[in-house]
Amino acid sequence: MTETFSDYVDCTPLLDDREALHRFYDEHGYLYLRGALDRDLVRTAAEQMLAGLIALGHAAPGTTLDTLAIESFEAVDEVAMHDYVKYDDLWNHPSAVALWEKVFGEPVFVFKSTTIRYYPSAAGSAEPDFSHLTPVHQDGFYIGPNKDFRTVWVPLLPTTLGTGGVTLARGSHKQGPREHVVTEDFRRFGHPVRGIPAEEFSPEEPLLFSPMEPGDVLLFHAFLCHKSLPNVSVNPAGMRMSMDTRIQPASSHRGFNALTPWPESAKDATKGIMSKITGTPTTVE
């Protein structure tokens, strides 16, 4: 895929037109909702993440979200950080649940598993390491058994093309599941991870990216191809902080990742999403 981007389409005006909202999602595989989440709730999650980085010694006491900079994502104990960020208070807040149910058109269940991210700029590094980012992939490859969940991604700080974020391959969900192969360019817990080969894409699946603000949200299909963009911000060099989880209809089967908090699944790499990320041969439940 070529690294040129079109903008996400703001679907917020469609929230009160369920048929139009569903048509857009079915056609493009994603929804971008501007300012749809309570900004105070998002700010609280960002401040909790900052508090965790300070408590674990990666930022000095008195650091603010505006001045935050850390040495590297890899240096942080990712499991320990989950003790500080009360993300379920955001995902399951009544205002957020009302949004998810409006999007789905039915009652929903929010996964117990949430991923948190805190990426400093690598622009000043002589040899920047981006192996912690995710290659092009489909969440439906890793997570199951049912594939009717949607990934929800939110920025905790403003994102730009410099700080990076998530790029989506519009309409790529229509082709269904794709082959994922191990690549040495990306690693998780010391293991090479799986991604989709570049030759799997066509020009009919253009990449999308737009700057986002706290309170904005992306929701996308289990088979929509997507990947992380690196933080190469300069003048100023900024942090990228984000969270993502998955949401499914309340009536659907609840598998391992739906019911297991991320730190628990990370400690047990023989089950759930971690087994397929690192190539461990087991069934995702």
Protein backbone atom coordinates (compact mmCIF):
# COMPACT_ATOMS: atom_id res chain seq x y z
CA MET A 1 0.00 0.00 0.00
CA THR A 2 1.23 3.46 -0.80
CA GLU A 3 1.77 5.80 2.15
CA THR A 4 -0.57 8.56 1.08
CA PHE A 5 -3.74 9.19 3.04
CA SER A 6 -7.27 10.38 2.50
CA ASP A 7 -9.24 11.75 5.45
CA TYR A 8 -11.65 9.79 7.59
CA VAL A 9 -15.23 10.81 6.86
CA ASP A 10 -16.91 12.39 9.89
CA CYS A 11 -19.95 10.20 10.55
CA THR A 12 -21.19 12.13 13.57
CA PRO A 13 -24.07 13.71 11.58
CA LEU A 14 -25.33 10.17 10.84
CA LEU A 15 -25.81 9.19 14.48
CA ASP A 16 -29.49 10.09 14.38
CA ASP A 17 -30.06 8.23 11.10
CA ARG A 18 -29.48 4.57 11.90
CA GLU A 19 -30.02 3.32 8.35
CA ALA A 20 -27.52 5.80 6.91
CA LEU A 21 -25.05 4.99 9.68
CA HIS A 22 -25.28 1.27 9.00
CA ARG A 23 -24.99 1.78 5.24
CA PHE A 24 -21.80 3.77 5.67
CA TYR A 25 -20.33 1.18 8.04
CA ASP A 26 -21.22 -1.73 5.76
CA GLU A 27 -19.67 0.03 2.75
CA HIS A 28 -16.51 1.48 4.31
CA GLY A 29 -15.91 -0.72 7.35
CA TYR A 30 -15.49 2.07 9.89
CA LEU A 31 -17.12 5.01 11.64
CA TYR A 32 -15.33 8.20 12.68
CA LEU A 33 -17.27 10.10 15.33
CA ARG A 34 -15.97 13.55 16.19
CA GLY A 35 -16.34 14.69 19.82
CA ALA A 36 -18.70 11.82 20.60
CA LEU A 37 -17.17 10.87 23.96
CA ASP A 38 -17.20 12.98 27.12
CA ARG A 39 -13.93 14.94 26.99
CA ASP A 40 -13.66 15.07 30.79
CA LEU A 41 -13.76 11.26 30.96
CA VAL A 42 -11.07 11.01 28.29
CA ARG A 43 -8.96 13.63 30.09
CA THR A 44 -9.24 11.62 33.31
CA ALA A 45 -7.91 8.51 31.55
CA ALA A 46 -5.01 10.55 30.14
CA GLU A 47 -4.16 11.89 33.59
CA GLN A 48 -4.28 8.36 35.02
CA MET A 49 -1.85 7.20 32.34
CA LEU A 50 0.43 10.12 33.19
CA ALA A 51 0.22 9.23 36.90
CA GLY A 52 1.26 5.67 36.07
CA LEU A 53 4.27 6.80 34.07
CA ILE A 54 5.34 9.07 36.96
CA ALA A 55 4.78 6.36 39.61
CA LEU A 56 6.82 3.83 37.61
CA GLY A 57 9.69 6.30 37.25
CA HIS A 58 9.40 7.10 33.55
CA ALA A 59 8.43 10.76 34.04
CA ALA A 60 9.46 13.21 36.74
CA PRO A 61 7.05 14.32 39.47
CA GLY A 62 5.27 17.47 38.39
CA THR A 63 5.23 16.46 34.71
CA THR A 64 2.03 17.51 32.94
CA LEU A 65 0.34 16.12 29.86
CA ASP A 66 1.68 19.14 27.96
CA THR A 67 5.29 18.47 29.00
CA LEU A 68 5.27 14.66 29.09
CA ALA A 69 8.12 12.83 27.37
CA ILE A 70 9.42 9.34 28.11
CA GLU A 71 12.48 7.46 26.91
CA SER A 72 10.66 4.66 25.11
CA PHE A 73 7.48 2.61 25.07
CA GLU A 74 9.48 -0.61 25.53
CA ALA A 75 11.06 0.58 28.78
CA VAL A 76 7.68 0.75 30.53
CA ASP A 77 6.19 -2.25 32.34
CA GLU A 78 3.03 -2.49 30.27
CA VAL A 79 1.31 -4.89 32.66
CA ALA A 80 2.01 -2.63 35.66
CA MET A 81 0.60 0.38 33.79
CA HIS A 82 -2.82 -1.26 33.71
CA ASP A 83 -3.09 -0.78 37.47
CA TYR A 84 -3.24 2.98 36.96
CA VAL A 85 -5.62 3.49 34.04
CA LYS A 86 -9.27 2.92 34.97
CA TYR A 87 -10.40 2.57 31.38
CA ASP A 88 -13.56 0.65 32.24
CA ASP A 89 -14.85 3.83 33.85
CA LEU A 90 -14.74 5.38 30.39
CA TRP A 91 -15.92 2.45 28.27
CA ASN A 92 -18.84 1.65 30.57
CA HIS A 93 -19.88 5.16 31.54
CA PRO A 94 -23.60 5.60 30.83
CA SER A 95 -22.88 8.27 28.20
CA ALA A 96 -20.42 5.97 26.41
CA VAL A 97 -22.74 2.94 26.58
CA ALA A 98 -25.51 5.07 25.09
CA LEU A 99 -23.17 5.89 22.19
CA TRP A 100 -22.18 2.25 21.62
CA GLU A 101 -25.81 1.16 21.64
CA LYS A 102 -26.74 3.89 19.19
CA VAL A 103 -23.97 2.69 16.86
CA PHE A 104 -24.88 -1.00 17.16
CA GLY A 105 -28.63 -0.47 17.34
CA GLU A 106 -28.88 -2.96 20.21
CA PRO A 107 -27.49 -3.66 23.73
CA VAL A 108 -23.73 -4.22 23.79
CA PHE A 109 -20.98 -5.89 25.80
CA VAL A 110 -17.63 -4.11 26.20
CA PHE A 111 -14.60 -6.40 26.22
CA LYS A 112 -12.68 -6.75 29.47
CA SER A 113 -9.47 -6.48 27.43
CA THR A 114 -8.14 -2.98 26.73
CA THR A 115 -4.82 -2.01 25.17
CA ILE A 116 -3.10 1.19 26.32
CA ARG A 117 -0.40 3.02 24.36
CA TYR A 118 2.10 5.79 25.19
CA TYR A 119 4.49 6.49 22.33
CA PRO A 120 7.16 9.21 22.55
CA SER A 121 8.56 10.84 19.42
CA ALA A 122 11.41 8.94 17.81
CA ALA A 123 12.39 11.87 15.59
CA GLY A 124 15.56 12.61 17.56
CA SER A 125 16.79 9.01 17.69
CA ALA A 126 19.80 8.07 15.61
CA GLU A 127 18.29 4.62 15.02
CA PRO A 128 14.57 4.83 15.80
CA ASP A 129 12.95 1.54 16.74
CA PHE A 130 9.37 1.07 15.54
CA SER A 131 9.17 -2.67 16.19
CA HIS A 132 6.64 -2.08 19.00
CA LEU A 133 4.06 -0.80 16.51
CA THR A 134 1.52 -3.10 14.89
CA PRO A 135 1.89 -4.15 11.25
CA VAL A 136 -1.06 -4.20 8.86
CA HIS A 137 -3.49 -6.71 10.32
CA GLN A 138 -7.12 -7.60 11.00
CA ASP A 139 -8.28 -7.87 14.60
CA GLY A 140 -10.59 -10.65 13.49
CA PHE A 141 -7.51 -12.80 12.79
CA TYR A 142 -6.55 -12.67 16.47
CA ILE A 143 -9.91 -12.51 18.23
CA GLY A 144 -12.88 -14.87 18.13
CA PRO A 145 -14.67 -17.13 17.80
CA ASN A 146 -17.44 -14.72 16.71
CA LYS A 147 -16.45 -11.85 14.43
CA ASP A 148 -19.29 -9.42 15.08
CA PHE A 149 -17.24 -7.24 17.43
CA ARG A 150 -15.99 -3.78 16.50
CA THR A 151 -12.67 -2.29 17.54
CA VAL A 152 -12.93 1.06 19.34
CA TRP A 153 -9.84 3.34 19.26
CA VAL A 154 -9.63 6.66 21.09
CA PRO A 155 -6.80 9.21 21.40
CA LEU A 156 -6.09 10.55 24.89
CA LEU A 157 -4.03 13.42 23.47
CA PRO A 158 -4.46 15.20 20.11
CA THR A 159 -2.98 13.25 17.21
CA THR A 160 -1.38 14.56 14.02
CA LEU A 161 0.33 12.91 11.10
CA GLY A 162 3.55 13.57 13.04
CA THR A 163 2.48 11.87 16.26
CA GLY A 164 0.77 9.12 14.28
CA GLY A 165 -2.30 7.09 15.07
CA VAL A 166 -4.28 4.44 13.21
CA THR A 167 -4.48 4.22 9.44
CA LEU A 168 -7.39 2.25 7.97
CA ALA A 169 -7.69 0.57 4.58
CA ARG A 170 -11.16 1.70 3.55
CA GLY A 171 -13.46 -1.10 2.42
CA SER A 172 -10.85 -3.81 3.04
CA HIS A 173 -13.25 -5.74 5.30
CA LYS A 174 -15.26 -6.80 2.27
CA GLN A 175 -12.60 -9.33 1.27
CA GLY A 176 -12.99 -11.21 4.55
CA PRO A 177 -10.11 -12.81 6.49
CA ARG A 178 -6.61 -12.61 4.97
CA GLU A 179 -3.38 -14.48 5.43
CA HIS A 180 -1.18 -13.22 8.27
CA VAL A 181 2.50 -14.16 8.24
CA VAL A 182 5.24 -13.75 10.83
CA THR A 183 7.45 -10.72 10.27
CA GLU A 184 10.69 -9.93 12.09
CA ASP A 185 10.08 -6.18 11.68
CA PHE A 186 7.53 -6.13 14.52
CA ARG A 187 7.86 -7.83 17.89
CA ARG A 188 5.67 -8.40 20.95
CA PHE A 189 7.07 -9.70 24.23
CA GLY A 190 10.28 -10.54 22.39
CA HIS A 191 8.54 -12.56 19.67
CA PRO A 192 8.05 -11.65 16.00
CA VAL A 193 4.40 -10.95 15.26
CA ARG A 194 2.05 -11.62 12.36
CA GLY A 195 0.93 -9.16 9.73
CA ILE A 196 -0.62 -9.10 6.27
CA PRO A 197 1.81 -9.08 3.31
CA ALA A 198 1.75 -5.86 1.28
CA GLU A 199 0.85 -7.73 -1.90
CA GLU A 200 -2.50 -8.60 -0.33
CA PHE A 201 -3.75 -5.04 -1.01
CA SER A 202 -5.04 -3.25 -4.07
CA PRO A 203 -5.40 0.46 -5.00
CA GLU A 204 -9.13 -0.01 -4.40
CA GLU A 205 -8.37 -0.10 -0.67
CA PRO A 206 -7.03 3.42 -0.02
CA LEU A 207 -5.45 4.34 3.31
CA LEU A 208 -7.24 6.79 5.59
CA PHE A 209 -5.85 8.99 8.34
CA SER A 210 -6.99 12.23 9.97
CA PRO A 211 -5.80 14.18 13.02
CA MET A 212 -7.98 13.42 16.04
CA GLU A 213 -8.84 15.15 19.31
CA PRO A 214 -9.64 13.64 22.72
CA GLY A 215 -13.33 12.78 22.60
CA ASP A 216 -13.11 11.58 18.98
CA VAL A 217 -13.56 7.86 18.40
CA LEU A 218 -12.95 5.33 15.64
CA LEU A 219 -14.99 2.14 15.42
CA PHE A 220 -14.12 -0.42 12.77
CA HIS A 221 -14.96 -3.89 11.48
CA ALA A 222 -13.18 -7.04 12.70
CA PHE A 223 -11.78 -7.59 9.18
CA LEU A 224 -10.87 -3.99 8.33
CA CYS A 225 -7.13 -3.89 7.63
CA HIS A 226 -5.28 -1.29 9.68
CA LYS A 227 -1.91 -0.50 11.25
CA SER A 228 -0.10 1.91 13.57
CA LEU A 229 1.70 4.97 12.27
CA PRO A 230 4.96 5.91 14.03
CA ASN A 231 5.43 8.99 16.18
CA VAL A 232 7.97 11.12 14.31
CA SER A 233 6.72 14.50 15.51
CA VAL A 234 9.08 17.49 15.65
CA ASN A 235 8.74 21.17 16.56
CA PRO A 236 7.22 20.25 18.91
CA ALA A 237 7.90 16.59 19.58
CA GLY A 238 4.75 15.26 21.20
CA MET A 239 3.55 12.12 22.96
CA ARG A 240 0.91 9.88 21.47
CA MET A 241 -1.40 8.31 24.02
CA SER A 242 -4.37 6.13 23.13
CA MET A 243 -6.56 3.24 24.22
CA ASP A 244 -8.50 0.63 22.32
CA THR A 245 -10.94 -2.12 23.16
CA ARG A 246 -13.60 -4.18 21.38
CA ILE A 247 -17.38 -4.09 21.68
CA GLN A 248 -19.86 -6.71 20.54
CA PRO A 249 -23.61 -7.30 20.68
CA ALA A 250 -24.61 -8.32 24.21
CA SER A 251 -26.37 -11.37 22.77
CA SER A 252 -23.22 -12.77 21.09
CA HIS A 253 -20.86 -15.46 22.39
CA ARG A 254 -18.20 -14.07 24.75
CA GLY A 255 -14.78 -15.53 24.03
CA PHE A 256 -11.51 -15.47 25.95
CA ASN A 257 -10.55 -11.90 25.07
CA ALA A 258 -14.04 -10.59 25.72
CA LEU A 259 -13.88 -11.91 29.28
CA THR A 260 -10.18 -11.61 30.15
CA PRO A 261 -8.44 -8.36 31.16
CA TRP A 262 -5.38 -7.58 29.04
CA PRO A 263 -2.77 -8.11 31.81
CA GLU A 264 -4.04 -11.64 32.40
CA SER A 265 -3.96 -12.59 28.72
CA ALA A 266 -0.48 -11.04 28.37
CA LYS A 267 0.84 -13.20 31.21
CA ASP A 268 -0.58 -16.32 29.57
CA ALA A 269 0.74 -16.29 26.00
CA THR A 270 -0.79 -19.72 25.31
CA LYS A 271 -4.33 -18.36 25.21
CA GLY A 272 -6.35 -15.75 23.39
CA ILE A 273 -4.97 -12.95 21.29
CA MET A 274 -1.37 -13.24 22.47
CA SER A 275 -1.05 -16.76 21.09
CA LYS A 276 -1.89 -15.64 17.57
CA ILE A 277 0.15 -12.43 17.75
CA THR A 278 3.28 -14.36 18.70
CA GLY A 279 2.51 -17.43 16.61
CA THR A 280 1.82 -19.87 19.46
CA PRO A 281 -0.35 -22.64 17.94
CA THR A 282 -3.61 -22.62 19.91
CA THR A 283 -7.25 -21.81 19.35
CA VAL A 284 -8.60 -18.37 20.19
CA GLU A 285 -11.73 -18.58 22.33
